[in-house]
């Protein structure tokens, strides 16, 4: 895994983990995780483009 991918997903997962304790409902937490994961996966090529990779 290249360092950009590792850093990018670390930031996304860290943000989700920071938010997750405030969401008590497991279904809502799961939906938020799926949406954020899908969005971050769609944005990664754009991040690579702007960084010149």
N, C-alpha and C. Protein backbone atom coordinates (compact mmCIF):
# COMPACT_ATOMS: atom_id res chain seq x y z
N UNK A 1 0.86 -1.17 0.00
CA UNK A 1 0.00 0.00 0.00
C UNK A 1 0.90 1.23 0.00
N UNK A 2 0.61 2.15 -0.88
CA UNK A 2 1.46 3.32 -0.97
C UNK A 2 1.14 4.30 0.18
N UNK A 3 2.09 5.15 0.55
CA UNK A 3 1.92 6.01 1.72
C UNK A 3 0.72 6.96 1.65
N UNK A 4 0.37 7.38 0.44
CA UNK A 4 -0.80 8.26 0.30
C UNK A 4 -2.07 7.51 0.69
N UNK A 5 -2.22 6.28 0.19
CA UNK A 5 -3.39 5.47 0.54
C UNK A 5 -3.45 5.23 2.05
N UNK A 6 -2.33 4.87 2.63
CA UNK A 6 -2.28 4.59 4.05
C UNK A 6 -2.68 5.81 4.89
N UNK A 7 -2.12 6.96 4.56
CA UNK A 7 -2.45 8.19 5.28
C UNK A 7 -3.89 8.58 5.08
N UNK A 8 -4.36 8.49 3.85
CA UNK A 8 -5.73 8.87 3.52
C UNK A 8 -6.73 8.03 4.32
N UNK A 9 -6.57 6.73 4.28
CA UNK A 9 -7.51 5.86 5.00
C UNK A 9 -7.34 5.97 6.51
N UNK A 10 -6.13 6.26 6.98
CA UNK A 10 -5.94 6.48 8.42
C UNK A 10 -6.72 7.70 8.89
N UNK A 11 -6.71 8.76 8.10
CA UNK A 11 -7.45 9.98 8.45
C UNK A 11 -8.95 9.70 8.42
N UNK A 12 -9.44 9.03 7.38
CA UNK A 12 -10.86 8.73 7.25
C UNK A 12 -11.32 7.82 8.39
N UNK A 13 -10.59 6.75 8.64
CA UNK A 13 -10.98 5.81 9.70
C UNK A 13 -10.84 6.44 11.09
N UNK A 14 -9.84 7.27 11.26
CA UNK A 14 -9.68 7.97 12.54
C UNK A 14 -10.83 8.91 12.81
N UNK A 15 -11.28 9.62 11.77
CA UNK A 15 -12.44 10.50 11.92
C UNK A 15 -13.70 9.73 12.23
N UNK A 16 -13.88 8.62 11.57
CA UNK A 16 -15.04 7.78 11.83
C UNK A 16 -15.00 7.21 13.24
N UNK A 17 -13.85 6.78 13.67
CA UNK A 17 -13.71 6.24 15.03
C UNK A 17 -13.95 7.32 16.08
N UNK A 18 -13.55 8.54 15.79
CA UNK A 18 -13.78 9.64 16.73
C UNK A 18 -15.26 9.97 16.84
N UNK A 19 -15.99 9.82 15.74
CA UNK A 19 -17.41 10.13 15.71
C UNK A 19 -18.27 8.98 16.26
N UNK A 20 -17.81 7.76 16.07
CA UNK A 20 -18.61 6.57 16.38
C UNK A 20 -19.09 6.48 17.83
N UNK A 21 -18.30 6.85 18.84
CA UNK A 21 -18.82 6.72 20.22
C UNK A 21 -20.06 7.57 20.49
N UNK A 22 -20.26 8.63 19.71
CA UNK A 22 -21.41 9.50 19.92
C UNK A 22 -22.68 8.96 19.28
N UNK A 23 -22.52 7.94 18.42
CA UNK A 23 -23.67 7.33 17.75
C UNK A 23 -23.98 6.03 18.48
N UNK A 24 -25.09 6.00 19.19
CA UNK A 24 -25.43 4.83 20.00
C UNK A 24 -26.11 3.73 19.17
N UNK A 25 -26.85 4.10 18.17
CA UNK A 25 -27.59 3.14 17.36
C UNK A 25 -26.64 2.43 16.39
N UNK A 26 -26.59 1.10 16.48
CA UNK A 26 -25.66 0.32 15.65
C UNK A 26 -26.00 0.45 14.17
N UNK A 27 -27.28 0.48 13.83
CA UNK A 27 -27.68 0.58 12.42
C UNK A 27 -27.22 1.92 11.83
N UNK A 28 -27.40 2.99 12.59
CA UNK A 28 -26.98 4.32 12.10
C UNK A 28 -25.46 4.36 11.97
N UNK A 29 -24.74 3.80 12.94
CA UNK A 29 -23.28 3.77 12.89
C UNK A 29 -22.82 2.99 11.66
N UNK A 30 -23.49 1.88 11.36
CA UNK A 30 -23.13 1.07 10.20
C UNK A 30 -23.37 1.82 8.90
N UNK A 31 -24.50 2.49 8.78
CA UNK A 31 -24.82 3.26 7.58
C UNK A 31 -23.82 4.41 7.40
N UNK A 32 -23.50 5.10 8.48
CA UNK A 32 -22.52 6.18 8.40
C UNK A 32 -21.17 5.63 7.96
N UNK A 33 -20.76 4.50 8.51
CA UNK A 33 -19.49 3.88 8.12
C UNK A 33 -19.47 3.47 6.66
N UNK A 34 -20.55 2.88 6.19
CA UNK A 34 -20.63 2.48 4.78
C UNK A 34 -20.60 3.68 3.84
N UNK A 35 -21.35 4.71 4.19
CA UNK A 35 -21.39 5.91 3.35
C UNK A 35 -20.03 6.62 3.34
N UNK A 36 -19.43 6.76 4.50
CA UNK A 36 -18.14 7.43 4.57
C UNK A 36 -17.06 6.61 3.87
N UNK A 37 -17.09 5.31 4.02
CA UNK A 37 -16.13 4.45 3.33
C UNK A 37 -16.28 4.52 1.82
N UNK A 38 -17.52 4.49 1.33
CA UNK A 38 -17.76 4.61 -0.11
C UNK A 38 -17.33 5.95 -0.65
N UNK A 39 -17.65 7.01 0.10
CA UNK A 39 -17.26 8.36 -0.32
C UNK A 39 -15.74 8.50 -0.35
N UNK A 40 -15.07 7.98 0.67
CA UNK A 40 -13.61 8.09 0.70
C UNK A 40 -12.97 7.29 -0.43
N UNK A 41 -13.54 6.13 -0.76
CA UNK A 41 -13.02 5.34 -1.87
C UNK A 41 -13.20 6.07 -3.20
N UNK A 42 -14.32 6.80 -3.34
CA UNK A 42 -14.53 7.57 -4.57
C UNK A 42 -13.60 8.78 -4.66
N UNK A 43 -13.21 9.35 -3.52
CA UNK A 43 -12.38 10.54 -3.52
C UNK A 43 -10.89 10.25 -3.66
N UNK A 44 -10.47 9.03 -3.39
CA UNK A 44 -9.04 8.70 -3.44
C UNK A 44 -8.40 8.99 -4.80
N UNK A 45 -9.02 8.65 -5.94
CA UNK A 45 -8.40 8.99 -7.22
C UNK A 45 -8.22 10.51 -7.38
N UNK A 46 -9.13 11.29 -6.86
CA UNK A 46 -9.01 12.75 -6.92
C UNK A 46 -7.83 13.23 -6.08
N UNK A 47 -7.65 12.64 -4.92
CA UNK A 47 -6.51 12.99 -4.06
C UNK A 47 -5.21 12.63 -4.79
N UNK A 48 -5.15 11.47 -5.41
CA UNK A 48 -3.97 11.08 -6.18
C UNK A 48 -3.70 12.06 -7.31
N UNK A 49 -4.75 12.49 -8.00
CA UNK A 49 -4.59 13.44 -9.09
C UNK A 49 -3.97 14.75 -8.62
N UNK A 50 -4.51 15.30 -7.51
CA UNK A 50 -4.01 16.57 -7.01
C UNK A 50 -2.60 16.46 -6.44
N UNK A 51 -2.23 15.29 -5.96
CA UNK A 51 -0.87 15.10 -5.45
C UNK A 51 0.12 14.72 -6.55
N UNK A 52 -0.39 14.46 -7.75
CA UNK A 52 0.48 14.16 -8.88
C UNK A 52 0.96 12.72 -8.95
N UNK A 53 0.21 11.79 -8.36
CA UNK A 53 0.59 10.38 -8.41
C UNK A 53 -0.11 9.68 -9.52
